[in-house]
Amino acid sequence: MKTELLDAVESKNLKSKTPHFEIGDTVDVHCKIREGNKERVQVFSGIVIARKGRGVNEMFTVRRIVNNEGVERIFPIHSPNVIDIRPVRSGKAKRAKLYYLRKRSGKGVRLSHRHSEHTVSK
């Protein structure tokens, strides 16, 4: 009963279309950045290492390597600041959370390719 009421209230704030992506996929997240009185769109691309929550509280963690340093960001899927999520490449993962990638570097971070459904041609 309680979750039915919460779902009814939260459904107003949910995005109508969210792209399908899974753990291990490489995604481009277009997010709105506000600097002073200006707004711009910044792309954060990396591997999805975790998804958690449900409904409005659903979030995913994206990890990428910048200057030999790992950078992770957590994005709420239904946030108005997340403009677009574009799957670039699908990776095969045997676990629900890929936290073990934090300890690896170089070629050890690579995941094998799952299939070419999500692949975007340039």
PDB file of N, CA and C in Angstrom:
ATOM      1  N   MET A   1       0.828  -1.194   0.000  1.00  0.00           N
ATOM      2  CA  MET A   1       0.000   0.000   0.000  1.00  0.00           C
ATOM      3  C   MET A   1       0.870   1.255   0.000  1.00  0.00           C
ATOM      4  N   LYS A   2       1.865   1.246   0.878  1.00  0.00           N
ATOM      5  CA  LYS A   2       2.736   2.412   0.996  1.00  0.00           C
ATOM      6  C   LYS A   2       3.503   2.665  -0.297  1.00  0.00           C
ATOM      7  N   THR A   3       4.040   1.603  -0.906  1.00  0.00           N
ATOM      8  CA  THR A   3       4.801   1.794  -2.151  1.00  0.00           C
ATOM      9  C   THR A   3       3.896   2.205  -3.298  1.00  0.00           C
ATOM     10  N   GLU A   4       2.642   1.776  -3.293  1.00  0.00           N
ATOM     11  CA  GLU A   4       1.713   2.193  -4.347  1.00  0.00           C
ATOM     12  C   GLU A   4       1.462   3.693  -4.281  1.00  0.00           C
ATOM     13  N   LEU A   5       1.305   4.219  -3.075  1.00  0.00           N
ATOM     14  CA  LEU A   5       1.114   5.663  -2.905  1.00  0.00           C
ATOM     15  C   LEU A   5       2.355   6.439  -3.322  1.00  0.00           C
ATOM     16  N   LEU A   6       3.513   5.943  -2.906  1.00  0.00           N
ATOM     17  CA  LEU A   6       4.765   6.615  -3.273  1.00  0.00           C
ATOM     18  C   LEU A   6       4.970   6.602  -4.785  1.00  0.00           C
ATOM     19  N   ASP A   7       4.700   5.469  -5.420  1.00  0.00           N
ATOM     20  CA  ASP A   7       4.848   5.371  -6.873  1.00  0.00           C
ATOM     21  C   ASP A   7       3.917   6.332  -7.592  1.00  0.00           C
ATOM     22  N   ALA A   8       2.716   6.509  -7.084  1.00  0.00           N
ATOM     23  CA  ALA A   8       1.760   7.427  -7.710  1.00  0.00           C
ATOM     24  C   ALA A   8       2.252   8.866  -7.629  1.00  0.00           C
ATOM     25  N   VAL A   9       2.825   9.245  -6.485  1.00  0.00           N
ATOM     26  CA  VAL A   9       3.338  10.609  -6.323  1.00  0.00           C
ATOM     27  C   VAL A   9       4.597  10.816  -7.150  1.00  0.00           C
ATOM     28  N   GLU A  10       5.485   9.823  -7.142  1.00  0.00           N
ATOM     29  CA  GLU A  10       6.764   9.947  -7.851  1.00  0.00           C
ATOM     30  C   GLU A  10       6.599   9.890  -9.364  1.00  0.00           C
ATOM     31  N   SER A  11       5.547   9.289  -9.860  1.00  0.00           N
ATOM     32  CA  SER A  11       5.397   9.092 -11.308  1.00  0.00           C
ATOM     33  C   SER A  11       5.353  10.410 -12.068  1.00  0.00           C
ATOM     34  N   LYS A  12       4.988  11.505 -11.412  1.00  0.00           N
ATOM     35  CA  LYS A  12       4.967  12.817 -12.069  1.00  0.00           C
ATOM     36  C   LYS A  12       6.374  13.289 -12.416  1.00  0.00           C
ATOM     37  N   ASN A  13       7.354  12.894 -11.623  1.00  0.00           N
ATOM     38  CA  ASN A  13       8.721  13.365 -11.809  1.00  0.00           C
ATOM     39  C   ASN A  13       9.591  12.421 -12.630  1.00  0.00           C
ATOM     40  N   LEU A  14       9.063  11.283 -13.041  1.00  0.00           N
ATOM     41  CA  LEU A  14       9.847  10.335 -13.824  1.00  0.00           C
ATOM     42  C   LEU A  14       9.942  10.794 -15.275  1.00  0.00           C
ATOM     43  N   LYS A  15      11.084  10.534 -15.891  1.00  0.00           N
ATOM     44  CA  LYS A  15      11.236  10.810 -17.319  1.00  0.00           C
ATOM     45  C   LYS A  15      10.464   9.756 -18.107  1.00  0.00           C
ATOM     46  N   SER A  16       9.864  10.193 -19.216  1.00  0.00           N
ATOM     47  CA  SER A  16       9.045   9.259 -19.988  1.00  0.00           C
ATOM     48  C   SER A  16       9.902   8.253 -20.750  1.00  0.00           C
ATOM     49  N   LYS A  17      11.023   8.700 -21.303  1.00  0.00           N
ATOM     50  CA  LYS A  17      11.884   7.790 -22.064  1.00  0.00           C
ATOM     51  C   LYS A  17      13.281   7.782 -21.460  1.00  0.00           C
ATOM     52  N   THR A  18      13.680   6.615 -20.996  1.00  0.00           N
ATOM     53  CA  THR A  18      15.053   6.441 -20.531  1.00  0.00           C
ATOM     54  C   THR A  18      15.666   5.337 -21.379  1.00  0.00           C
ATOM     55  N   PRO A  19      16.885   5.530 -21.857  1.00  0.00           N
ATOM     56  CA  PRO A  19      17.496   4.518 -22.721  1.00  0.00           C
ATOM     57  C   PRO A  19      17.846   3.251 -21.943  1.00  0.00           C
ATOM     58  N   HIS A  20      17.903   2.149 -22.653  1.00  0.00           N
ATOM     59  CA  HIS A  20      18.266   0.871 -22.040  1.00  0.00           C
ATOM     60  C   HIS A  20      19.783   0.744 -22.017  1.00  0.00           C
ATOM     61  N   PHE A  21      20.346   0.622 -20.825  1.00  0.00           N
ATOM     62  CA  PHE A  21      21.769   0.343 -20.675  1.00  0.00           C
ATOM     63  C   PHE A  21      21.936  -0.519 -19.437  1.00  0.00           C
ATOM     64  N   GLU A  22      23.010  -1.289 -19.429  1.00  0.00           N
ATOM     65  CA  GLU A  22      23.247  -2.239 -18.350  1.00  0.00           C
ATOM     66  C   GLU A  22      24.624  -2.023 -17.742  1.00  0.00           C
ATOM     67  N   ILE A  23      24.918  -2.798 -16.723  1.00  0.00           N
ATOM     68  CA  ILE A  23      26.231  -2.754 -16.087  1.00  0.00           C
ATOM     69  C   ILE A  23      27.277  -3.219 -17.101  1.00  0.00           C
ATOM     70  N   GLY A  24      28.374  -2.495 -17.207  1.00  0.00           N
ATOM     71  CA  GLY A  24      29.436  -2.858 -18.132  1.00  0.00           C
ATOM     72  C   GLY A  24      29.370  -2.098 -19.439  1.00  0.00           C
ATOM     73  N   ASP A  25      28.254  -1.419 -19.706  1.00  0.00           N
ATOM     74  CA  ASP A  25      28.124  -0.650 -20.941  1.00  0.00           C
ATOM     75  C   ASP A  25      28.916   0.647 -20.841  1.00  0.00           C
ATOM     76  N   THR A  26      29.442   1.087 -21.965  1.00  0.00           N
ATOM     77  CA  THR A  26      30.077   2.398 -22.040  1.00  0.00           C
ATOM     78  C   THR A  26      29.022   3.391 -22.491  1.00  0.00           C
ATOM     79  N   VAL A  27      28.859   4.473 -21.743  1.00  0.00           N
ATOM     80  CA  VAL A  27      27.813   5.446 -22.042  1.00  0.00           C
ATOM     81  C   VAL A  27      28.387   6.857 -22.080  1.00  0.00           C
ATOM     82  N   ASP A  28      27.697   7.727 -22.813  1.00  0.00           N
ATOM     83  CA  ASP A  28      27.958   9.162 -22.796  1.00  0.00           C
ATOM     84  C   ASP A  28      26.804   9.816 -22.053  1.00  0.00           C
ATOM     85  N   VAL A  29      27.106  10.487 -20.945  1.00  0.00           N
ATOM     86  CA  VAL A  29      26.075  11.158 -20.159  1.00  0.00           C
ATOM     87  C   VAL A  29      26.199  12.649 -20.405  1.00  0.00           C
ATOM     88  N   HIS A  30      25.164  13.242 -20.974  1.00  0.00           N
ATOM     89  CA  HIS A  30      25.129  14.682 -21.232  1.00  0.00           C
ATOM     90  C   HIS A  30      24.442  15.332 -20.040  1.00  0.00           C
ATOM     91  N   CYS A  31      25.213  16.129 -19.280  1.00  0.00           N
ATOM     92  CA  CYS A  31      24.633  16.748 -18.094  1.00  0.00           C
ATOM     93  C   CYS A  31      24.806  18.258 -18.141  1.00  0.00           C
ATOM     94  N   LYS A  32      23.859  18.937 -17.516  1.00  0.00           N
ATOM     95  CA  LYS A  32      23.826  20.391 -17.511  1.00  0.00           C
ATOM     96  C   LYS A  32      24.746  20.893 -16.400  1.00  0.00           C
ATOM     97  N   ILE A  33      25.634  21.800 -16.737  1.00  0.00           N
ATOM     98  CA  ILE A  33      26.559  22.402 -15.777  1.00  0.00           C
ATOM     99  C   ILE A  33      26.257  23.895 -15.710  1.00  0.00           C
ATOM    100  N   ARG A  34      26.097  24.412 -14.497  1.00  0.00           N
ATOM    101  CA  ARG A  34      25.841  25.838 -14.323  1.00  0.00           C
ATOM    102  C   ARG A  34      27.073  26.494 -13.732  1.00  0.00           C
ATOM    103  N   GLU A  35      27.599  27.502 -14.433  1.00  0.00           N
ATOM    104  CA  GLU A  35      28.767  28.261 -13.966  1.00  0.00           C
ATOM    105  C   GLU A  35      28.358  29.722 -13.902  1.00  0.00           C
ATOM    106  N   GLY A  36      28.143  30.213 -12.705  1.00  0.00           N
ATOM    107  CA  GLY A  36      27.663  31.584 -12.552  1.00  0.00           C
ATOM    108  C   GLY A  36      26.244  31.687 -13.083  1.00  0.00           C
ATOM    109  N   ASN A  37      26.048  32.549 -14.077  1.00  0.00           N
ATOM    110  CA  ASN A  37      24.722  32.669 -14.675  1.00  0.00           C
ATOM    111  C   ASN A  37      24.643  31.992 -16.041  1.00  0.00           C
ATOM    112  N   LYS A  38      25.680  31.260 -16.410  1.00  0.00           N
ATOM    113  CA  LYS A  38      25.701  30.558 -17.697  1.00  0.00           C
ATOM    114  C   LYS A  38      25.442  29.069 -17.492  1.00  0.00           C
ATOM    115  N   GLU A  39      24.831  28.448 -18.492  1.00  0.00           N
ATOM    116  CA  GLU A  39      24.620  27.003 -18.478  1.00  0.00           C
ATOM    117  C   GLU A  39      25.233  26.403 -19.718  1.00  0.00           C
ATOM    118  N   ARG A  40      25.830  25.231 -19.557  1.00  0.00           N
ATOM    119  CA  ARG A  40      26.373  24.514 -20.697  1.00  0.00           C
ATOM    120  C   ARG A  40      26.178  23.027 -20.479  1.00  0.00           C
ATOM    121  N   VAL A  41      26.347  22.267 -21.563  1.00  0.00           N
ATOM    122  CA  VAL A  41      26.193  20.824 -21.492  1.00  0.00           C
ATOM    123  C   VAL A  41      27.575  20.188 -21.539  1.00  0.00           C
ATOM    124  N   GLN A  42      27.843  19.315 -20.579  1.00  0.00           N
ATOM    125  CA  GLN A  42      29.130  18.629 -20.519  1.00  0.00           C
ATOM    126  C   GLN A  42      28.884  17.130 -20.675  1.00  0.00           C
ATOM    127  N   VAL A  43      29.740  16.478 -21.451  1.00  0.00           N
ATOM    128  CA  VAL A  43      29.609  15.045 -21.684  1.00  0.00           C
ATOM    129  C   VAL A  43      30.597  14.304 -20.789  1.00  0.00           C
ATOM    130  N   PHE A  44      30.087  13.347 -20.032  1.00  0.00           N
ATOM    131  CA  PHE A  44      30.910  12.486 -19.187  1.00  0.00           C
ATOM    132  C   PHE A  44      30.765  11.084 -19.737  1.00  0.00           C
ATOM    133  N   SER A  45      31.836  10.532 -20.288  1.00  0.00           N
ATOM    134  CA  SER A  45      31.749   9.203 -20.888  1.00  0.00           C
ATOM    135  C   SER A  45      32.601   8.223 -20.090  1.00  0.00           C
ATOM    136  N   GLY A  46      32.061   7.029 -19.890  1.00  0.00           N
ATOM    137  CA  GLY A  46      32.772   6.016 -19.142  1.00  0.00           C
ATOM    138  C   GLY A  46      31.960   4.738 -19.051  1.00  0.00           C
ATOM    139  N   ILE A  47      32.419   3.824 -18.200  1.00  0.00           N
ATOM    140  CA  ILE A  47      31.788   2.523 -18.033  1.00  0.00           C
ATOM    141  C   ILE A  47      30.830   2.578 -16.844  1.00  0.00           C
ATOM    142  N   VAL A  48      29.639   2.045 -17.024  1.00  0.00           N
ATOM    143  CA  VAL A  48      28.668   1.954 -15.934  1.00  0.00           C
ATOM    144  C   VAL A  48      29.103   0.813 -15.020  1.00  0.00           C
ATOM    145  N   ILE A  49      29.451   1.149 -13.768  1.00  0.00           N
ATOM    146  CA  ILE A  49      29.920   0.109 -12.848  1.00  0.00           C
ATOM    147  C   ILE A  49      28.862  -0.272 -11.818  1.00  0.00           C
ATOM    148  N   ALA A  50      27.799   0.520 -11.682  1.00  0.00           N
ATOM    149  CA  ALA A  50      26.763   0.187 -10.698  1.00  0.00           C
ATOM    150  C   ALA A  50      25.458   0.884 -11.036  1.00  0.00           C
ATOM    151  N   ARG A  51      24.359   0.230 -10.676  1.00  0.00           N
ATOM    152  CA  ARG A  51      23.015   0.814 -10.715  1.00  0.00           C
ATOM    153  C   ARG A  51      22.348   0.475  -9.394  1.00  0.00           C
ATOM    154  N   LYS A  52      21.610   1.427  -8.831  1.00  0.00           N
ATOM    155  CA  LYS A  52      20.927   1.159  -7.573  1.00  0.00           C
ATOM    156  C   LYS A  52      19.687   2.029  -7.457  1.00  0.00           C
ATOM    157  N   GLY A  53      18.777   1.612  -6.602  1.00  0.00           N
ATOM    158  CA  GLY A  53      17.558   2.357  -6.359  1.00  0.00           C
ATOM    159  C   GLY A  53      16.458   1.982  -7.341  1.00  0.00           C
ATOM    160  N   ARG A  54      15.302   2.599  -7.141  1.00  0.00           N
ATOM    161  CA  ARG A  54      14.179   2.391  -8.035  1.00  0.00           C
ATOM    162  C   ARG A  54      13.356   3.668  -8.077  1.00  0.00           C
ATOM    163  N   GLY A  55      12.600   3.825  -9.148  1.00  0.00           N
ATOM    164  CA  GLY A  55      11.746   5.000  -9.268  1.00  0.00           C
ATOM    165  C   GLY A  55      12.567   6.272  -9.408  1.00  0.00           C
ATOM    166  N   VAL A  56      12.179   7.292  -8.666  1.00  0.00           N
ATOM    167  CA  VAL A  56      12.873   8.578  -8.717  1.00  0.00           C
ATOM    168  C   VAL A  56      14.276   8.464  -8.155  1.00  0.00           C
ATOM    169  N   ASN A  57      14.480   7.537  -7.235  1.00  0.00           N
ATOM    170  CA  ASN A  57      15.773   7.399  -6.562  1.00  0.00           C
ATOM    171  C   ASN A  57      16.763   6.537  -7.331  1.00  0.00           C
ATOM    172  N   GLU A  58      16.470   6.140  -8.556  1.00  0.00           N
ATOM    173  CA  GLU A  58      17.368   5.264  -9.310  1.00  0.00           C
ATOM    174  C   GLU A  58      18.599   6.043  -9.769  1.00  0.00           C
ATOM    175  N   MET A  59      19.767   5.479  -9.491  1.00  0.00           N
ATOM    176  CA  MET A  59      21.038   6.128  -9.832  1.00  0.00           C
ATOM    177  C   MET A  59      21.980   5.131 -10.467  1.00  0.00           C
ATOM    178  N   PHE A  60      22.953   5.655 -11.206  1.00  0.00           N
ATOM    179  CA  PHE A  60      23.984   4.807 -11.788  1.00  0.00           C
ATOM    180  C   PHE A  60      25.326   5.492 -11.651  1.00  0.00           C
ATOM    181  N   THR A  61      26.374   4.678 -11.513  1.00  0.00           N
ATOM    182  CA  THR A  61      27.730   5.186 -11.331  1.00  0.00           C
ATOM    183  C   THR A  61      28.523   4.944 -12.602  1.00  0.00           C
ATOM    184  N   VAL A  62      29.202   5.993 -13.082  1.00  0.00           N
ATOM    185  CA  VAL A  62      30.014   5.909 -14.291  1.00  0.00           C
ATOM    186  C   VAL A  62      31.463   6.167 -13.908  1.00  0.00           C
ATOM    187  N   ARG A  63      32.366   5.329 -14.414  1.00  0.00           N
ATOM    188  CA  ARG A  63      33.795   5.453 -14.105  1.00  0.00           C
ATOM    189  C   ARG A  63      34.581   5.633 -15.384  1.00  0.00           C
ATOM    190  N   ARG A  64      35.538   6.532 -15.360  1.00  0.00           N
ATOM    191  CA  ARG A  64      36.460   6.708 -16.471  1.00  0.00           C
ATOM    192  C   ARG A  64      37.842   7.051 -15.933  1.00  0.00           C
ATOM    193  N   ILE A  65      38.834   6.932 -16.795  1.00  0.00           N
ATOM    194  CA  ILE A  65      40.215   7.208 -16.414  1.00  0.00           C
ATOM    195  C   ILE A  65      40.631   8.531 -17.053  1.00  0.00           C
ATOM    196  N   VAL A  66      41.113   9.466 -16.222  1.00  0.00           N
ATOM    197  CA  VAL A  66      41.590  10.763 -16.709  1.00  0.00           C
ATOM    198  C   VAL A  66      42.988  10.967 -16.159  1.00  0.00           C
ATOM    199  N   ASN A  67      43.971  11.108 -17.036  1.00  0.00           N
ATOM    200  CA  ASN A  67      45.369  11.296 -16.626  1.00  0.00           C
ATOM    201  C   ASN A  67      45.830  10.223 -15.646  1.00  0.00           C
ATOM    202  N   ASN A  68      45.578   8.971 -15.973  1.00  0.00           N
ATOM    203  CA  ASN A  68      45.940   7.813 -15.150  1.00  0.00           C
ATOM    204  C   ASN A  68      45.338   7.860 -13.748  1.00  0.00           C
ATOM    205  N   GLU A  69      44.222   8.539 -13.600  1.00  0.00           N
ATOM    206  CA  GLU A  69      43.517   8.641 -12.329  1.00  0.00           C
ATOM    207  C   GLU A  69      42.052   8.278 -12.570  1.00  0.00           C
ATOM    208  N   GLY A  70      41.505   7.404 -11.748  1.00  0.00           N
ATOM    209  CA  GLY A  70      40.110   7.006 -11.908  1.00  0.00           C
ATOM    210  C   GLY A  70      39.166   8.081 -11.394  1.00  0.00           C
ATOM    211  N   VAL A  71      38.137   8.391 -12.176  1.00  0.00           N
ATOM    212  CA  VAL A  71      37.133   9.382 -11.799  1.00  0.00           C
ATOM    213  C   VAL A  71      35.764   8.718 -11.886  1.00  0.00           C
ATOM    214  N   GLU A  72      34.992   8.816 -10.817  1.00  0.00           N
ATOM    215  CA  GLU A  72      33.648   8.244 -10.801  1.00  0.00           C
ATOM    216  C   GLU A  72      32.639   9.335 -10.497  1.00  0.00           C
ATOM    217  N   ARG A  73      31.489   9.234 -11.171  1.00  0.00           N
ATOM    218  CA  ARG A  73      30.395  10.150 -10.900  1.00  0.00           C
ATOM    219  C   ARG A  73      29.109   9.368 -10.781  1.00  0.00           C
ATOM    220  N   ILE A  74      28.261   9.781  -9.860  1.00  0.00           N
ATOM    221  CA  ILE A  74      26.966   9.143  -9.676  1.00  0.00           C
ATOM    222  C   ILE A  74      25.900  10.077 -10.233  1.00  0.00           C
ATOM    223  N   PHE A  75      25.082   9.552 -11.131  1.00  0.00           N
ATOM    224  CA  PHE A  75      24.041  10.337 -11.775  1.00  0.00           C
ATOM    225  C   PHE A  75      22.664   9.771 -11.420  1.00  0.00           C
ATOM    226  N   PRO A  76      21.719  10.620 -11.010  1.00  0.00           N
ATOM    227  CA  PRO A  76      20.330  10.171 -10.905  1.00  0.00           C
ATOM    228  C   PRO A  76      19.749  10.086 -12.319  1.00  0.00           C
ATOM    229  N   ILE A  77      19.090   8.994 -12.637  1.00  0.00           N
ATOM    230  CA  ILE A  77      18.569   8.797 -13.994  1.00  0.00           C
ATOM    231  C   ILE A  77      17.498   9.822 -14.331  1.00  0.00           C
ATOM    232  N   HIS A  78      16.640  10.149 -13.375  1.00  0.00           N
ATOM    233  CA  HIS A  78      15.494  11.015 -13.650  1.00  0.00           C
ATOM    234  C   HIS A  78      15.744  12.472 -13.282  1.00  0.00           C
ATOM    235  N   SER A  79      16.996  12.865 -13.097  1.00  0.00           N
ATOM    236  CA  SER A  79      17.324  14.246 -12.761  1.00  0.00           C
ATOM    237  C   SER A  79      17.116  15.160 -13.972  1.00  0.00           C
ATOM    238  N   PRO A  80      16.619  16.374 -13.762  1.00  0.00           N
ATOM    239  CA  PRO A  80      16.498  17.315 -14.888  1.00  0.00           C
ATOM    240  C   PRO A  80      17.862  17.797 -15.386  1.00  0.00           C
ATOM    241  N   ASN A  81      18.915  17.625 -14.591  1.00  0.00           N
ATOM    242  CA  ASN A  81      20.254  18.021 -15.028  1.00  0.00           C
ATOM    243  C   ASN A  81      20.896  16.993 -15.947  1.00  0.00           C
ATOM    244  N   VAL A  82      20.408  15.768 -15.948  1.00  0.00           N
ATOM    245  CA  VAL A  82      20.888  14.748 -16.879  1.00  0.00           C
ATOM    246  C   VAL A  82      20.016  14.856 -18.129  1.00  0.00           C
ATOM    247  N   ILE A  83      20.592  15.418 -19.189  1.00  0.00           N
ATOM    248  CA  ILE A  83      19.822  15.676 -20.398  1.00  0.00           C
ATOM    249  C   ILE A  83      19.673  14.427 -21.238  1.00  0.00           C
ATOM    250  N   ASP A  84      20.765  13.691 -21.415  1.00  0.00           N
ATOM    251  CA  ASP A  84      20.722  12.537 -22.304  1.00  0.00           C
ATOM    252  C   ASP A  84      21.718  11.488 -21.842  1.00  0.00           C
ATOM    253  N   ILE A  85      21.363  10.228 -22.050  1.00  0.00           N
ATOM    254  CA  ILE A  85      22.259   9.104 -21.778  1.00  0.00           C
ATOM    255  C   ILE A  85      22.328   8.300 -23.071  1.00  0.00           C
ATOM    256  N   ARG A  86      23.515   8.229 -23.664  1.00  0.00           N
ATOM    257  CA  ARG A  86      23.670   7.525 -24.929  1.00  0.00           C
ATOM    258  C   ARG A  86      24.589   6.326 -24.762  1.00  0.00           C
ATOM    259  N   PRO A  87      24.054   5.116 -24.925  1.00  0.00           N
ATOM    260  CA  PRO A  87      24.912   3.932 -24.882  1.00  0.00           C
ATOM    261  C   PRO A  87      25.824   3.909 -26.105  1.00  0.00           C
ATOM    262  N   VAL A  88      27.130   3.701 -25.897  1.00  0.00           N
ATOM    263  CA  VAL A  88      28.099   3.679 -26.984  1.00  0.00           C
ATOM    264  C   VAL A  88      28.513   2.256 -27.311  1.00  0.00           C
ATOM    265  N   ARG A  89      28.774   1.468 -26.270  1.00  0.00           N
ATOM    266  CA  ARG A  89      29.283   0.108 -26.454  1.00  0.00           C
ATOM    267  C   ARG A  89      28.774  -0.751 -25.313  1.00  0.00           C
ATOM    268  N   SER A  90      28.422  -1.973 -25.607  1.00  0.00           N
ATOM    269  CA  SER A  90      27.962  -2.862 -24.545  1.00  0.00           C
ATOM    270  C   SER A  90      29.087  -3.806 -24.140  1.00  0.00           C
ATOM    271  N   GLY A  91      29.254  -3.985 -22.849  1.00  0.00           N
ATOM    272  CA  GLY A  91      30.301  -4.857 -22.339  1.00  0.00           C
ATOM    273  C   GLY A  91      29.711  -6.004 -21.550  1.00  0.00           C
ATOM    274  N   LYS A  92      30.355  -7.145 -21.604  1.00  0.00           N
ATOM    275  CA  LYS A  92      29.866  -8.324 -20.899  1.00  0.00           C
ATOM    276  C   LYS A  92      30.327  -8.268 -19.450  1.00  0.00           C
ATOM    277  N   ALA A  93      29.354  -8.341 -18.528  1.00  0.00           N
ATOM    278  CA  ALA A  93      29.662  -8.327 -17.104  1.00  0.00           C
ATOM    279  C   ALA A  93      28.995  -9.522 -16.449  1.00  0.00           C
ATOM    280  N   LYS A  94      29.723 -10.172 -15.548  1.00  0.00           N
ATOM    281  CA  LYS A  94      29.165 -11.330 -14.848  1.00  0.00           C
ATOM    282  C   LYS A  94      28.720 -10.973 -13.437  1.00  0.00           C
ATOM    283  N   ARG A  95      28.815  -9.694 -13.089  1.00  0.00           N
ATOM    284  CA  ARG A  95      28.440  -9.262 -11.754  1.00  0.00           C
ATOM    285  C   ARG A  95      27.507  -8.063 -11.827  1.00  0.00           C
ATOM    286  N   ALA A  96      26.807  -7.798 -10.729  1.00  0.00           N
ATOM    287  CA  ALA A  96      25.883  -6.671 -10.681  1.00  0.00           C
ATOM    288  C   ALA A  96      26.621  -5.361 -10.409  1.00  0.00           C
ATOM    289  N   LYS A  97      27.729  -5.427  -9.716  1.00  0.00           N
ATOM    290  CA  LYS A  97      28.541  -4.248  -9.428  1.00  0.00           C
ATOM    291  C   LYS A  97      29.967  -4.531  -9.869  1.00  0.00           C
ATOM    292  N   LEU A  98      30.558  -3.603 -10.585  1.00  0.00           N
ATOM    293  CA  LEU A  98      31.915  -3.804 -11.124  1.00  0.00           C
ATOM    294  C   LEU A  98      32.947  -3.005 -10.336  1.00  0.00           C
ATOM    295  N   TYR A  99      32.869  -3.050  -9.006  1.00  0.00           N
ATOM    296  CA  TYR A  99      33.800  -2.307  -8.173  1.00  0.00           C
ATOM    297  C   TYR A  99      35.227  -2.831  -8.280  1.00  0.00           C
ATOM    298  N   TYR A 100      35.391  -4.064  -8.745  1.00  0.00           N
ATOM    299  CA  TYR A 100      36.731  -4.623  -8.884  1.00  0.00           C
ATOM    300  C   TYR A 100      37.541  -3.885  -9.952  1.00  0.00           C
ATOM    301  N   LEU A 101      36.890  -3.129 -10.824  1.00  0.00           N
ATOM    302  CA  LEU A 101      37.624  -2.367 -11.843  1.00  0.00           C
ATOM    303  C   LEU A 101      38.441  -1.233 -11.234  1.00  0.00           C
ATOM    304  N   ARG A 102      38.119  -0.851 -10.011  1.00  0.00           N
ATOM    305  CA  ARG A 102      38.862   0.222  -9.343  1.00  0.00           C
ATOM    306  C   ARG A 102      40.306  -0.170  -9.084  1.00  0.00           C
ATOM    307  N   LYS A 103      40.560  -1.454  -8.870  1.00  0.00           N
ATOM    308  CA  LYS A 103      41.908  -1.919  -8.564  1.00  0.00           C
ATOM    309  C   LYS A 103      42.729  -2.180  -9.813  1.00  0.00           C
ATOM    310  N   ARG A 104      42.086  -2.198 -10.968  1.00  0.00           N
ATOM    311  CA  ARG A 104      42.787  -2.545 -12.204  1.00  0.00           C
ATOM    312  C   ARG A 104      43.174  -1.307 -12.997  1.00  0.00           C
ATOM    313  N   SER A 105      44.151  -1.492 -13.881  1.00  0.00           N
ATOM    314  CA  SER A 105      44.566  -0.390 -14.756  1.00  0.00           C
ATOM    315  C   SER A 105      44.965  -0.956 -16.105  1.00  0.00           C
ATOM    316  N   GLY A 106      45.023  -0.107 -17.084  1.00  0.00           N
ATOM    317  CA  GLY A 106      45.445  -0.518 -18.422  1.00  0.00           C
ATOM    318  C   GLY A 106      44.457  -1.444 -19.089  1.00  0.00           C
ATOM    319  N   LYS A 107      44.972  -2.531 -19.666  1.00  0.00           N
ATOM    320  CA  LYS A 107      44.113  -3.472 -20.376  1.00  0.00           C
ATOM    321  C   LYS A 107      43.227  -4.282 -19.444  1.00  0.00           C
ATOM    322  N   GLY A 108      43.541  -4.322 -18.165  1.00  0.00           N
ATOM    323  CA  GLY A 108      42.741  -5.056 -17.200  1.00  0.00           C
ATOM    324  C   GLY A 108      41.368  -4.451 -16.971  1.00  0.00           C
ATOM    325  N   VAL A 109      41.196  -3.189 -17.368  1.00  0.00           N
ATOM    326  CA  VAL A 109      39.918  -2.500 -17.184  1.00  0.00           C
ATOM    327  C   VAL A 109      38.940  -2.861 -18.296  1.00  0.00           C
ATOM    328  N   ARG A 110      39.443  -3.347 -19.417  1.00  0.00           N
ATOM    329  CA  ARG A 110      38.578  -3.634 -20.561  1.00  0.00           C
ATOM    330  C   ARG A 110      37.618  -4.780 -20.280  1.00  0.00           C
ATOM    331  N   LEU A 111      36.402  -4.622 -20.760  1.00  0.00           N
ATOM    332  CA  LEU A 111      35.407  -5.688 -20.693  1.00  0.00           C
ATOM    333  C   LEU A 111      35.189  -6.205 -22.107  1.00  0.00           C
ATOM    334  N   SER A 112      34.926  -7.498 -22.225  1.00  0.00           N
ATOM    335  CA  SER A 112      34.696  -8.041 -23.554  1.00  0.00           C
ATOM    336  C   SER A 112      33.374  -7.518 -24.105  1.00  0.00           C
ATOM    337  N   HIS A 113      33.304  -7.436 -25.410  1.00  0.00           N
ATOM    338  CA  HIS A 113      32.148  -6.881 -26.104  1.00  0.00           C
ATOM    339  C   HIS A 113      30.994  -7.871 -26.065  1.00  0.00           C
ATOM    340  N   ARG A 114      29.796  -7.425 -25.689  1.00  0.00           N
ATOM    341  CA  ARG A 114      28.646  -8.320 -25.577  1.00  0.00           C
ATOM    342  C   ARG A 114      27.984  -8.536 -26.927  1.00  0.00           C
ATOM    343  N   HIS A 115      27.453  -7.492 -27.522  1.00  0.00           N
ATOM    344  CA  HIS A 115      26.821  -7.577 -28.842  1.00  0.00           C
ATOM    345  C   HIS A 115      26.792  -6.184 -29.434  1.00  0.00           C
ATOM    346  N   SER A 116      26.418  -6.072 -30.692  1.00  0.00           N
ATOM    347  CA  SER A 116      26.526  -4.786 -31.380  1.00  0.00           C
ATOM    348  C   SER A 116      25.211  -4.049 -31.499  1.00  0.00           C
ATOM    349  N   GLU A 117      24.210  -4.321 -30.639  1.00  0.00           N
ATOM    350  CA  GLU A 117      22.936  -3.619 -30.703  1.00  0.00           C
ATOM    351  C   GLU A 117      23.099  -2.141 -30.344  1.00  0.00           C
ATOM    352  N   HIS A 118      23.883  -1.855 -29.300  1.00  0.00           N
ATOM    353  CA  HIS A 118      23.999  -0.486 -28.814  1.00  0.00           C
ATOM    354  C   HIS A 118      25.064   0.315 -29.543  1.00  0.00           C
ATOM    355  N   THR A 119      25.856  -0.330 -30.364  1.00  0.00           N
ATOM    356  CA  THR A 119      26.975   0.356 -30.981  1.00  0.00           C
ATOM    357  C   THR A 119      26.486   1.477 -31.880  1.00  0.00           C
ATOM    358  N   VAL A 120      27.061   2.662 -31.691  1.00  0.00           N
ATOM    359  CA  VAL A 120      26.697   3.817 -32.485  1.00  0.00           C
ATOM    360  C   VAL A 120      27.712   3.969 -33.603  1.00  0.00           C
ATOM    361  N   SER A 121      27.266   4.051 -34.821  1.00  0.00           N
ATOM    362  CA  SER A 121      28.197   4.227 -35.944  1.00  0.00           C
ATOM    363  C   SER A 121      28.493   5.714 -36.123  1.00  0.00           C
ATOM    364  N   LYS A 122      29.742   5.999 -36.430  1.00  0.00           N
ATOM    365  CA  LYS A 122      30.154   7.409 -36.598  1.00  0.00           C
ATOM    366  C   LYS A 122      30.378   7.724 -38.040  1.00  0.00           C
TER     367      LYS A 122
END
